[in-house]
PDB file of N, CA and C in Angstrom:
ATOM      1  N   UNK A   1      10.088  14.292  -8.433  1.00  0.00           N
ATOM      2  CA  UNK A   1       9.959  13.061  -7.691  1.00  0.00           C
ATOM      3  C   UNK A   1       8.743  13.154  -6.783  1.00  0.00           C
ATOM      4  N   UNK A   2       7.963  12.110  -6.743  1.00  0.00           N
ATOM      5  CA  UNK A   2       6.801  12.061  -5.862  1.00  0.00           C
ATOM      6  C   UNK A   2       7.254  11.679  -4.459  1.00  0.00           C
ATOM      7  N   UNK A   3       6.876  12.489  -3.480  1.00  0.00           N
ATOM      8  CA  UNK A   3       7.191  12.111  -2.106  1.00  0.00           C
ATOM      9  C   UNK A   3       6.115  11.203  -1.549  1.00  0.00           C
ATOM     10  N   UNK A   4       4.866  11.528  -1.803  1.00  0.00           N
ATOM     11  CA  UNK A   4       3.770  10.705  -1.308  1.00  0.00           C
ATOM     12  C   UNK A   4       2.589  10.842  -2.244  1.00  0.00           C
ATOM     13  N   UNK A   5       1.726   9.861  -2.227  1.00  0.00           N
ATOM     14  CA  UNK A   5       0.559   9.919  -3.091  1.00  0.00           C
ATOM     15  C   UNK A   5      -0.668   9.483  -2.326  1.00  0.00           C
ATOM     16  N   UNK A   6      -1.789  10.014  -2.735  1.00  0.00           N
ATOM     17  CA  UNK A   6      -3.052   9.646  -2.106  1.00  0.00           C
ATOM     18  C   UNK A   6      -3.623   8.378  -2.718  1.00  0.00           C
ATOM     19  N   UNK A   7      -2.975   7.859  -3.751  1.00  0.00           N
ATOM     20  CA  UNK A   7      -3.595   6.821  -4.554  1.00  0.00           C
ATOM     21  C   UNK A   7      -4.543   7.512  -5.512  1.00  0.00           C
ATOM     22  N   UNK A   8      -5.372   6.768  -6.174  1.00  0.00           N
ATOM     23  CA  UNK A   8      -6.282   7.366  -7.147  1.00  0.00           C
ATOM     24  C   UNK A   8      -7.704   7.287  -6.622  1.00  0.00           C
ATOM     25  N   UNK A   9      -8.591   8.036  -7.264  1.00  0.00           N
ATOM     26  CA  UNK A   9     -10.015   7.956  -6.963  1.00  0.00           C
ATOM     27  C   UNK A   9     -10.774   7.983  -8.280  1.00  0.00           C
ATOM     28  N   UNK A  10     -11.986   7.482  -8.238  1.00  0.00           N
ATOM     29  CA  UNK A  10     -12.849   7.550  -9.413  1.00  0.00           C
ATOM     30  C   UNK A  10     -14.191   8.129  -9.011  1.00  0.00           C
ATOM     31  N   UNK A  11     -14.796   8.830  -9.950  1.00  0.00           N
ATOM     32  CA  UNK A  11     -16.162   9.320  -9.806  1.00  0.00           C
ATOM     33  C   UNK A  11     -16.872   8.988 -11.103  1.00  0.00           C
ATOM     34  N   UNK A  12     -18.056   8.402 -10.981  1.00  0.00           N
ATOM     35  CA  UNK A  12     -18.773   7.984 -12.167  1.00  0.00           C
ATOM     36  C   UNK A  12     -20.255   8.283 -12.024  1.00  0.00           C
ATOM     37  N   UNK A  13     -20.870   8.681 -13.146  1.00  0.00           N
ATOM     38  CA  UNK A  13     -22.320   8.807 -13.210  1.00  0.00           C
ATOM     39  C   UNK A  13     -22.770   8.185 -14.530  1.00  0.00           C
ATOM     40  N   UNK A  14     -23.976   8.438 -14.946  1.00  0.00           N
ATOM     41  CA  UNK A  14     -24.505   7.802 -16.162  1.00  0.00           C
ATOM     42  C   UNK A  14     -23.839   8.276 -17.448  1.00  0.00           C
ATOM     43  N   UNK A  15     -23.210   9.427 -17.424  1.00  0.00           N
ATOM     44  CA  UNK A  15     -22.675   9.974 -18.671  1.00  0.00           C
ATOM     45  C   UNK A  15     -21.170  10.237 -18.668  1.00  0.00           C
ATOM     46  N   UNK A  16     -20.503  10.055 -17.545  1.00  0.00           N
ATOM     47  CA  UNK A  16     -19.077  10.356 -17.532  1.00  0.00           C
ATOM     48  C   UNK A  16     -18.349   9.610 -16.410  1.00  0.00           C
ATOM     49  N   UNK A  17     -17.036   9.654 -16.516  1.00  0.00           N
ATOM     50  CA  UNK A  17     -16.144   9.051 -15.526  1.00  0.00           C
ATOM     51  C   UNK A  17     -14.982   9.998 -15.331  1.00  0.00           C
ATOM     52  N   UNK A  18     -14.503  10.112 -14.110  1.00  0.00           N
ATOM     53  CA  UNK A  18     -13.253  10.825 -13.865  1.00  0.00           C
ATOM     54  C   UNK A  18     -12.371   9.963 -12.977  1.00  0.00           C
ATOM     55  N   UNK A  19     -11.078  10.025 -13.255  1.00  0.00           N
ATOM     56  CA  UNK A  19     -10.060   9.325 -12.472  1.00  0.00           C
ATOM     57  C   UNK A  19      -9.052  10.377 -12.063  1.00  0.00           C
ATOM     58  N   UNK A  20      -8.746  10.454 -10.792  1.00  0.00           N
ATOM     59  CA  UNK A  20      -7.806  11.460 -10.331  1.00  0.00           C
ATOM     60  C   UNK A  20      -6.858  10.925  -9.288  1.00  0.00           C
ATOM     61  N   UNK A  21      -5.810  11.699  -9.031  1.00  0.00           N
ATOM     62  CA  UNK A  21      -4.860  11.371  -7.968  1.00  0.00           C
ATOM     63  C   UNK A  21      -4.244  12.665  -7.453  1.00  0.00           C
ATOM     64  N   UNK A  22      -3.659  12.591  -6.280  1.00  0.00           N
ATOM     65  CA  UNK A  22      -2.947  13.734  -5.717  1.00  0.00           C
ATOM     66  C   UNK A  22      -1.614  13.252  -5.182  1.00  0.00           C
ATOM     67  N   UNK A  23      -0.552  13.966  -5.539  1.00  0.00           N
ATOM     68  CA  UNK A  23       0.779  13.705  -5.004  1.00  0.00           C
ATOM     69  C   UNK A  23       1.121  14.827  -4.032  1.00  0.00           C
ATOM     70  N   UNK A  24       1.829  14.463  -2.979  1.00  0.00           N
ATOM     71  CA  UNK A  24       2.180  15.424  -1.939  1.00  0.00           C
ATOM     72  C   UNK A  24       3.653  15.784  -1.993  1.00  0.00           C
ATOM     73  N   UNK A  25       3.950  17.063  -1.816  1.00  0.00           N
ATOM     74  CA  UNK A  25       5.315  17.571  -1.708  1.00  0.00           C
ATOM     75  C   UNK A  25       6.169  17.169  -2.908  1.00  0.00           C
ATOM     76  N   UNK A  26       5.715  17.536  -4.085  1.00  0.00           N
ATOM     77  CA  UNK A  26       6.396  17.188  -5.328  1.00  0.00           C
ATOM     78  C   UNK A  26       7.565  18.144  -5.543  1.00  0.00           C
ATOM     79  N   UNK A  27       8.771  17.607  -5.605  1.00  0.00           N
ATOM     80  CA  UNK A  27       9.962  18.454  -5.706  1.00  0.00           C
ATOM     81  C   UNK A  27       9.966  19.295  -6.983  1.00  0.00           C
ATOM     82  N   UNK A  28       9.461  18.742  -8.097  1.00  0.00           N
ATOM     83  CA  UNK A  28       9.425  19.493  -9.347  1.00  0.00           C
ATOM     84  C   UNK A  28       8.541  20.734  -9.252  1.00  0.00           C
ATOM     85  N   UNK A  29       7.649  20.769  -8.281  1.00  0.00           N
ATOM     86  CA  UNK A  29       6.761  21.915  -8.082  1.00  0.00           C
ATOM     87  C   UNK A  29       7.104  22.654  -6.788  1.00  0.00           C
ATOM     88  N   UNK A  30       8.363  22.623  -6.402  1.00  0.00           N
ATOM     89  CA  UNK A  30       8.811  23.354  -5.224  1.00  0.00           C
ATOM     90  C   UNK A  30       8.201  22.859  -3.934  1.00  0.00           C
ATOM     91  N   UNK A  31       7.874  21.578  -3.879  1.00  0.00           N
ATOM     92  CA  UNK A  31       7.296  20.998  -2.681  1.00  0.00           C
ATOM     93  C   UNK A  31       5.791  21.133  -2.584  1.00  0.00           C
ATOM     94  N   UNK A  32       5.164  21.583  -3.650  1.00  0.00           N
ATOM     95  CA  UNK A  32       3.703  21.744  -3.655  1.00  0.00           C
ATOM     96  C   UNK A  32       3.008  20.401  -3.810  1.00  0.00           C
ATOM     97  N   UNK A  33       1.747  20.383  -3.465  1.00  0.00           N
ATOM     98  CA  UNK A  33       0.896  19.236  -3.743  1.00  0.00           C
ATOM     99  C   UNK A  33       0.382  19.378  -5.170  1.00  0.00           C
ATOM    100  N   UNK A  34       0.213  18.264  -5.854  1.00  0.00           N
ATOM    101  CA  UNK A  34      -0.193  18.267  -7.257  1.00  0.00           C
ATOM    102  C   UNK A  34      -1.362  17.319  -7.424  1.00  0.00           C
ATOM    103  N   UNK A  35      -2.405  17.787  -8.084  1.00  0.00           N
ATOM    104  CA  UNK A  35      -3.578  16.959  -8.347  1.00  0.00           C
ATOM    105  C   UNK A  35      -3.846  16.946  -9.846  1.00  0.00           C
ATOM    106  N   UNK A  36      -4.177  15.765 -10.361  1.00  0.00           N
ATOM    107  CA  UNK A  36      -4.527  15.637 -11.776  1.00  0.00           C
ATOM    108  C   UNK A  36      -5.770  14.770 -11.876  1.00  0.00           C
ATOM    109  N   UNK A  37      -6.695  15.199 -12.720  1.00  0.00           N
ATOM    110  CA  UNK A  37      -7.931  14.448 -12.938  1.00  0.00           C
ATOM    111  C   UNK A  37      -8.132  14.258 -14.430  1.00  0.00           C
ATOM    112  N   UNK A  38      -8.429  13.014 -14.809  1.00  0.00           N
ATOM    113  CA  UNK A  38      -8.741  12.658 -16.193  1.00  0.00           C
ATOM    114  C   UNK A  38     -10.253  12.518 -16.314  1.00  0.00           C
ATOM    115  N   UNK A  39     -10.816  13.019 -17.414  1.00  0.00           N
ATOM    116  CA  UNK A  39     -12.255  12.994 -17.642  1.00  0.00           C
ATOM    117  C   UNK A  39     -12.570  12.226 -18.930  1.00  0.00           C
ATOM    118  N   UNK A  40     -13.571  11.363 -18.848  1.00  0.00           N
ATOM    119  CA  UNK A  40     -14.005  10.543 -19.974  1.00  0.00           C
ATOM    120  C   UNK A  40     -15.491  10.779 -20.219  1.00  0.00           C
ATOM    121  N   UNK A  41     -15.873  10.981 -21.478  1.00  0.00           N
ATOM    122  CA  UNK A  41     -17.291  11.073 -21.798  1.00  0.00           C
ATOM    123  C   UNK A  41     -17.883   9.653 -21.801  1.00  0.00           C
ATOM    124  N   UNK A  42     -19.163   9.563 -22.097  1.00  0.00           N
ATOM    125  CA  UNK A  42     -19.861   8.279 -22.024  1.00  0.00           C
ATOM    126  C   UNK A  42     -19.232   7.238 -22.960  1.00  0.00           C
ATOM    127  N   UNK A  43     -18.967   7.625 -24.197  1.00  0.00           N
ATOM    128  CA  UNK A  43     -18.390   6.691 -25.174  1.00  0.00           C
ATOM    129  C   UNK A  43     -17.023   6.177 -24.735  1.00  0.00           C
ATOM    130  N   UNK A  44     -16.169   7.071 -24.259  1.00  0.00           N
ATOM    131  CA  UNK A  44     -14.824   6.672 -23.864  1.00  0.00           C
ATOM    132  C   UNK A  44     -14.791   5.965 -22.512  1.00  0.00           C
ATOM    133  N   UNK A  45     -15.780   6.236 -21.666  1.00  0.00           N
ATOM    134  CA  UNK A  45     -15.925   5.458 -20.430  1.00  0.00           C
ATOM    135  C   UNK A  45     -16.195   4.002 -20.786  1.00  0.00           C
ATOM    136  N   UNK A  46     -17.089   3.783 -21.732  1.00  0.00           N
ATOM    137  CA  UNK A  46     -17.398   2.420 -22.165  1.00  0.00           C
ATOM    138  C   UNK A  46     -16.173   1.746 -22.781  1.00  0.00           C
ATOM    139  N   UNK A  47     -15.438   2.477 -23.622  1.00  0.00           N
ATOM    140  CA  UNK A  47     -14.233   1.921 -24.236  1.00  0.00           C
ATOM    141  C   UNK A  47     -13.214   1.516 -23.168  1.00  0.00           C
ATOM    142  N   UNK A  48     -13.043   2.358 -22.158  1.00  0.00           N
ATOM    143  CA  UNK A  48     -12.097   2.057 -21.082  1.00  0.00           C
ATOM    144  C   UNK A  48     -12.523   0.809 -20.322  1.00  0.00           C
ATOM    145  N   UNK A  49     -13.784   0.757 -19.921  1.00  0.00           N
ATOM    146  CA  UNK A  49     -14.289  -0.408 -19.187  1.00  0.00           C
ATOM    147  C   UNK A  49     -14.149  -1.687 -20.010  1.00  0.00           C
ATOM    148  N   UNK A  50     -14.533  -1.623 -21.280  1.00  0.00           N
ATOM    149  CA  UNK A  50     -14.449  -2.804 -22.142  1.00  0.00           C
ATOM    150  C   UNK A  50     -13.009  -3.278 -22.300  1.00  0.00           C
ATOM    151  N   UNK A  51     -12.092  -2.349 -22.526  1.00  0.00           N
ATOM    152  CA  UNK A  51     -10.688  -2.712 -22.698  1.00  0.00           C
ATOM    153  C   UNK A  51     -10.102  -3.306 -21.417  1.00  0.00           C
ATOM    154  N   UNK A  52     -10.426  -2.707 -20.280  1.00  0.00           N
ATOM    155  CA  UNK A  52      -9.929  -3.236 -19.008  1.00  0.00           C
ATOM    156  C   UNK A  52     -10.483  -4.623 -18.728  1.00  0.00           C
ATOM    157  N   UNK A  53     -11.762  -4.823 -19.010  1.00  0.00           N
ATOM    158  CA  UNK A  53     -12.402  -6.104 -18.663  1.00  0.00           C
ATOM    159  C   UNK A  53     -11.914  -7.266 -19.532  1.00  0.00           C
ATOM    160  N   UNK A  54     -11.238  -6.980 -20.628  1.00  0.00           N
ATOM    161  CA  UNK A  54     -10.658  -8.052 -21.443  1.00  0.00           C
ATOM    162  C   UNK A  54      -9.462  -8.699 -20.754  1.00  0.00           C
ATOM    163  N   UNK A  55      -8.819  -7.972 -19.864  1.00  0.00           N
ATOM    164  CA  UNK A  55      -7.611  -8.485 -19.202  1.00  0.00           C
ATOM    165  C   UNK A  55      -7.760  -8.617 -17.691  1.00  0.00           C
ATOM    166  N   UNK A  56      -8.633  -7.810 -17.079  1.00  0.00           N
ATOM    167  CA  UNK A  56      -8.745  -7.759 -15.624  1.00  0.00           C
ATOM    168  C   UNK A  56     -10.166  -8.081 -15.190  1.00  0.00           C
ATOM    169  N   UNK A  57     -10.307  -8.488 -13.952  1.00  0.00           N
ATOM    170  CA  UNK A  57     -11.619  -8.815 -13.372  1.00  0.00           C
ATOM    171  C   UNK A  57     -11.861  -7.934 -12.155  1.00  0.00           C
ATOM    172  N   UNK A  58     -13.126  -7.812 -11.780  1.00  0.00           N
ATOM    173  CA  UNK A  58     -13.490  -7.072 -10.578  1.00  0.00           C
ATOM    174  C   UNK A  58     -14.233  -5.800 -10.904  1.00  0.00           C
ATOM    175  N   UNK A  59     -14.332  -4.949  -9.907  1.00  0.00           N
ATOM    176  CA  UNK A  59     -14.984  -3.656 -10.087  1.00  0.00           C
ATOM    177  C   UNK A  59     -14.108  -2.759 -10.953  1.00  0.00           C
ATOM    178  N   UNK A  60     -14.659  -1.676 -11.418  1.00  0.00           N
ATOM    179  CA  UNK A  60     -13.874  -0.736 -12.210  1.00  0.00           C
ATOM    180  C   UNK A  60     -12.656  -0.259 -11.423  1.00  0.00           C
ATOM    181  N   UNK A  61     -12.863   0.067 -10.173  1.00  0.00           N
ATOM    182  CA  UNK A  61     -11.751   0.526  -9.333  1.00  0.00           C
ATOM    183  C   UNK A  61     -10.674  -0.547  -9.209  1.00  0.00           C
ATOM    184  N   UNK A  62     -11.068  -1.792  -9.019  1.00  0.00           N
ATOM    185  CA  UNK A  62     -10.099  -2.888  -8.911  1.00  0.00           C
ATOM    186  C   UNK A  62      -9.332  -3.089 -10.216  1.00  0.00           C
ATOM    187  N   UNK A  63     -10.036  -2.979 -11.349  1.00  0.00           N
ATOM    188  CA  UNK A  63      -9.361  -3.144 -12.637  1.00  0.00           C
ATOM    189  C   UNK A  63      -8.378  -1.999 -12.889  1.00  0.00           C
ATOM    190  N   UNK A  64      -8.753  -0.780 -12.536  1.00  0.00           N
ATOM    191  CA  UNK A  64      -7.850   0.365 -12.712  1.00  0.00           C
ATOM    192  C   UNK A  64      -6.611   0.191 -11.847  1.00  0.00           C
ATOM    193  N   UNK A  65      -6.793  -0.238 -10.612  1.00  0.00           N
ATOM    194  CA  UNK A  65      -5.638  -0.455  -9.731  1.00  0.00           C
ATOM    195  C   UNK A  65      -4.731  -1.547 -10.282  1.00  0.00           C
ATOM    196  N   UNK A  66      -5.315  -2.622 -10.767  1.00  0.00           N
ATOM    197  CA  UNK A  66      -4.527  -3.722 -11.328  1.00  0.00           C
ATOM    198  C   UNK A  66      -3.759  -3.266 -12.568  1.00  0.00           C
ATOM    199  N   UNK A  67      -4.409  -2.503 -13.425  1.00  0.00           N
ATOM    200  CA  UNK A  67      -3.793  -2.073 -14.678  1.00  0.00           C
ATOM    201  C   UNK A  67      -2.758  -0.963 -14.501  1.00  0.00           C
ATOM    202  N   UNK A  68      -3.042  -0.001 -13.626  1.00  0.00           N
ATOM    203  CA  UNK A  68      -2.214   1.204 -13.552  1.00  0.00           C
ATOM    204  C   UNK A  68      -1.576   1.424 -12.182  1.00  0.00           C
ATOM    205  N   UNK A  69      -1.754   0.520 -11.255  1.00  0.00           N
ATOM    206  CA  UNK A  69      -1.245   0.521  -9.883  1.00  0.00           C
ATOM    207  C   UNK A  69      -1.999   1.506  -8.991  1.00  0.00           C
ATOM    208  N   UNK A  70      -1.900   1.278  -7.704  1.00  0.00           N
ATOM    209  CA  UNK A  70      -2.564   2.140  -6.724  1.00  0.00           C
ATOM    210  C   UNK A  70      -2.067   3.580  -6.840  1.00  0.00           C
ATOM    211  N   UNK A  71      -0.789   3.761  -7.174  1.00  0.00           N
ATOM    212  CA  UNK A  71      -0.217   5.105  -7.311  1.00  0.00           C
ATOM    213  C   UNK A  71      -0.445   5.710  -8.689  1.00  0.00           C
ATOM    214  N   UNK A  72      -1.207   5.049  -9.530  1.00  0.00           N
ATOM    215  CA  UNK A  72      -1.616   5.486 -10.858  1.00  0.00           C
ATOM    216  C   UNK A  72      -0.421   5.862 -11.732  1.00  0.00           C
ATOM    217  N   UNK A  73       0.128   4.863 -12.386  1.00  0.00           N
ATOM    218  CA  UNK A  73       1.268   5.028 -13.278  1.00  0.00           C
ATOM    219  C   UNK A  73       0.788   5.649 -14.594  1.00  0.00           C
ATOM    220  N   UNK A  74       1.027   6.937 -14.756  1.00  0.00           N
ATOM    221  CA  UNK A  74       0.523   7.653 -15.927  1.00  0.00           C
ATOM    222  C   UNK A  74       1.064   7.144 -17.261  1.00  0.00           C
ATOM    223  N   UNK A  75       2.365   6.882 -17.417  1.00  0.00           N
ATOM    224  CA  UNK A  75       2.828   6.385 -18.720  1.00  0.00           C
ATOM    225  C   UNK A  75       2.130   5.092 -19.148  1.00  0.00           C
ATOM    226  N   UNK A  76       1.877   4.198 -18.234  1.00  0.00           N
ATOM    227  CA  UNK A  76       1.155   2.961 -18.557  1.00  0.00           C
ATOM    228  C   UNK A  76      -0.276   3.318 -18.968  1.00  0.00           C
ATOM    229  N   UNK A  77      -0.904   4.222 -18.237  1.00  0.00           N
ATOM    230  CA  UNK A  77      -2.258   4.675 -18.550  1.00  0.00           C
ATOM    231  C   UNK A  77      -2.309   5.319 -19.939  1.00  0.00           C
ATOM    232  N   UNK A  78      -1.367   6.221 -20.225  1.00  0.00           N
ATOM    233  CA  UNK A  78      -1.343   6.900 -21.528  1.00  0.00           C
ATOM    234  C   UNK A  78      -1.212   5.891 -22.666  1.00  0.00           C
ATOM    235  N   UNK A  79      -0.295   4.925 -22.510  1.00  0.00           N
ATOM    236  CA  UNK A  79      -0.093   3.907 -23.540  1.00  0.00           C
ATOM    237  C   UNK A  79      -1.335   3.048 -23.730  1.00  0.00           C
ATOM    238  N   UNK A  80      -1.979   2.690 -22.625  1.00  0.00           N
ATOM    239  CA  UNK A  80      -3.198   1.876 -22.680  1.00  0.00           C
ATOM    240  C   UNK A  80      -4.291   2.620 -23.452  1.00  0.00           C
ATOM    241  N   UNK A  81      -4.482   3.886 -23.128  1.00  0.00           N
ATOM    242  CA  UNK A  81      -5.519   4.673 -23.809  1.00  0.00           C
ATOM    243  C   UNK A  81      -5.191   4.835 -25.288  1.00  0.00           C
ATOM    244  N   UNK A  82      -3.941   5.078 -25.613  1.00  0.00           N
ATOM    245  CA  UNK A  82      -3.547   5.218 -27.018  1.00  0.00           C
ATOM    246  C   UNK A  82      -3.797   3.913 -27.770  1.00  0.00           C
ATOM    247  N   UNK A  83      -3.392   2.797 -27.181  1.00  0.00           N
ATOM    248  CA  UNK A  83      -3.567   1.491 -27.815  1.00  0.00           C
ATOM    249  C   UNK A  83      -5.036   1.186 -28.092  1.00  0.00           C
ATOM    250  N   UNK A  84      -5.922   1.597 -27.188  1.00  0.00           N
ATOM    251  CA  UNK A  84      -7.349   1.284 -27.311  1.00  0.00           C
ATOM    252  C   UNK A  84      -8.183   2.455 -27.843  1.00  0.00           C
ATOM    253  N   UNK A  85      -7.485   3.494 -28.323  1.00  0.00           N
ATOM    254  CA  UNK A  85      -8.141   4.672 -28.897  1.00  0.00           C
ATOM    255  C   UNK A  85      -9.178   5.282 -27.955  1.00  0.00           C
ATOM    256  N   UNK A  86      -8.765   5.413 -26.707  1.00  0.00           N
ATOM    257  CA  UNK A  86      -9.611   5.998 -25.668  1.00  0.00           C
ATOM    258  C   UNK A  86      -9.186   7.457 -25.497  1.00  0.00           C
ATOM    259  N   UNK A  87     -10.139   8.357 -25.639  1.00  0.00           N
ATOM    260  CA  UNK A  87      -9.860   9.781 -25.521  1.00  0.00           C
ATOM    261  C   UNK A  87     -10.301  10.313 -24.170  1.00  0.00           C
ATOM    262  N   UNK A  88      -9.605  11.329 -23.702  1.00  0.00           N
ATOM    263  CA  UNK A  88      -9.901  11.946 -22.409  1.00  0.00           C
ATOM    264  C   UNK A  88      -9.430  13.384 -22.428  1.00  0.00           C
ATOM    265  N   UNK A  89      -9.900  14.140 -21.471  1.00  0.00           N
ATOM    266  CA  UNK A  89      -9.356  15.462 -21.188  1.00  0.00           C
ATOM    267  C   UNK A  89      -8.836  15.400 -19.763  1.00  0.00           C
ATOM    268  N   UNK A  90      -8.135  16.425 -19.331  1.00  0.00           N
ATOM    269  CA  UNK A  90      -7.638  16.417 -17.959  1.00  0.00           C
ATOM    270  C   UNK A  90      -7.483  17.834 -17.425  1.00  0.00           C
ATOM    271  N   UNK A  91      -7.396  17.921 -16.129  1.00  0.00           N
ATOM    272  CA  UNK A  91      -7.098  19.186 -15.465  1.00  0.00           C
ATOM    273  C   UNK A  91      -6.061  18.925 -14.383  1.00  0.00           C
ATOM    274  N   UNK A  92      -5.299  19.967 -14.054  1.00  0.00           N
ATOM    275  CA  UNK A  92      -4.305  19.869 -12.986  1.00  0.00           C
ATOM    276  C   UNK A  92      -4.507  21.007 -11.996  1.00  0.00           C
ATOM    277  N   UNK A  93      -3.958  20.806 -10.819  1.00  0.00           N
ATOM    278  CA  UNK A  93      -4.095  21.792  -9.759  1.00  0.00           C
ATOM    279  C   UNK A  93      -2.909  21.611  -8.820  1.00  0.00           C
ATOM    280  N   UNK A  94      -2.334  22.699  -8.340  1.00  0.00           N
ATOM    281  CA  UNK A  94      -1.256  22.632  -7.332  1.00  0.00           C
ATOM    282  C   UNK A  94      -1.633  23.502  -6.147  1.00  0.00           C
ATOM    283  N   UNK A  95      -1.086  23.108  -4.991  1.00  0.00           N
ATOM    284  CA  UNK A  95      -1.300  23.900  -3.771  1.00  0.00           C
ATOM    285  C   UNK A  95      -0.122  23.701  -2.835  1.00  0.00           C
ATOM    286  N   UNK A  96       0.086  24.676  -1.992  1.00  0.00           N
ATOM    287  CA  UNK A  96       1.117  24.595  -0.980  1.00  0.00           C
ATOM    288  C   UNK A  96       0.451  24.603   0.377  1.00  0.00           C
ATOM    289  N   UNK A  97       0.871  23.696   1.244  1.00  0.00           N
ATOM    290  CA  UNK A  97       0.306  23.657   2.604  1.00  0.00           C
ATOM    291  C   UNK A  97       0.988  24.635   3.501  1.00  0.00           C
TER     292      UNK A  97
END
């Protein structure tokens, strides 16, 4: 169960995009903080933007929030990427305060 979340963040440059979030005091991880970041190459960044812009308006950040919520609903995100054949890699990290 997520106790708290930082919301999501995005980082983008000319060749890639990353979307990440951090949850605080996750019971499944013994109360640790959990961070996950998704990485998209240039081709899949374009696919994501194009797919989002068919249904949502605004900046990339606004469209991501509208589509996947401020707390970044992963199952919705996974289904969206599968439906639009968008590929990504990811990394995770945990820490205890």
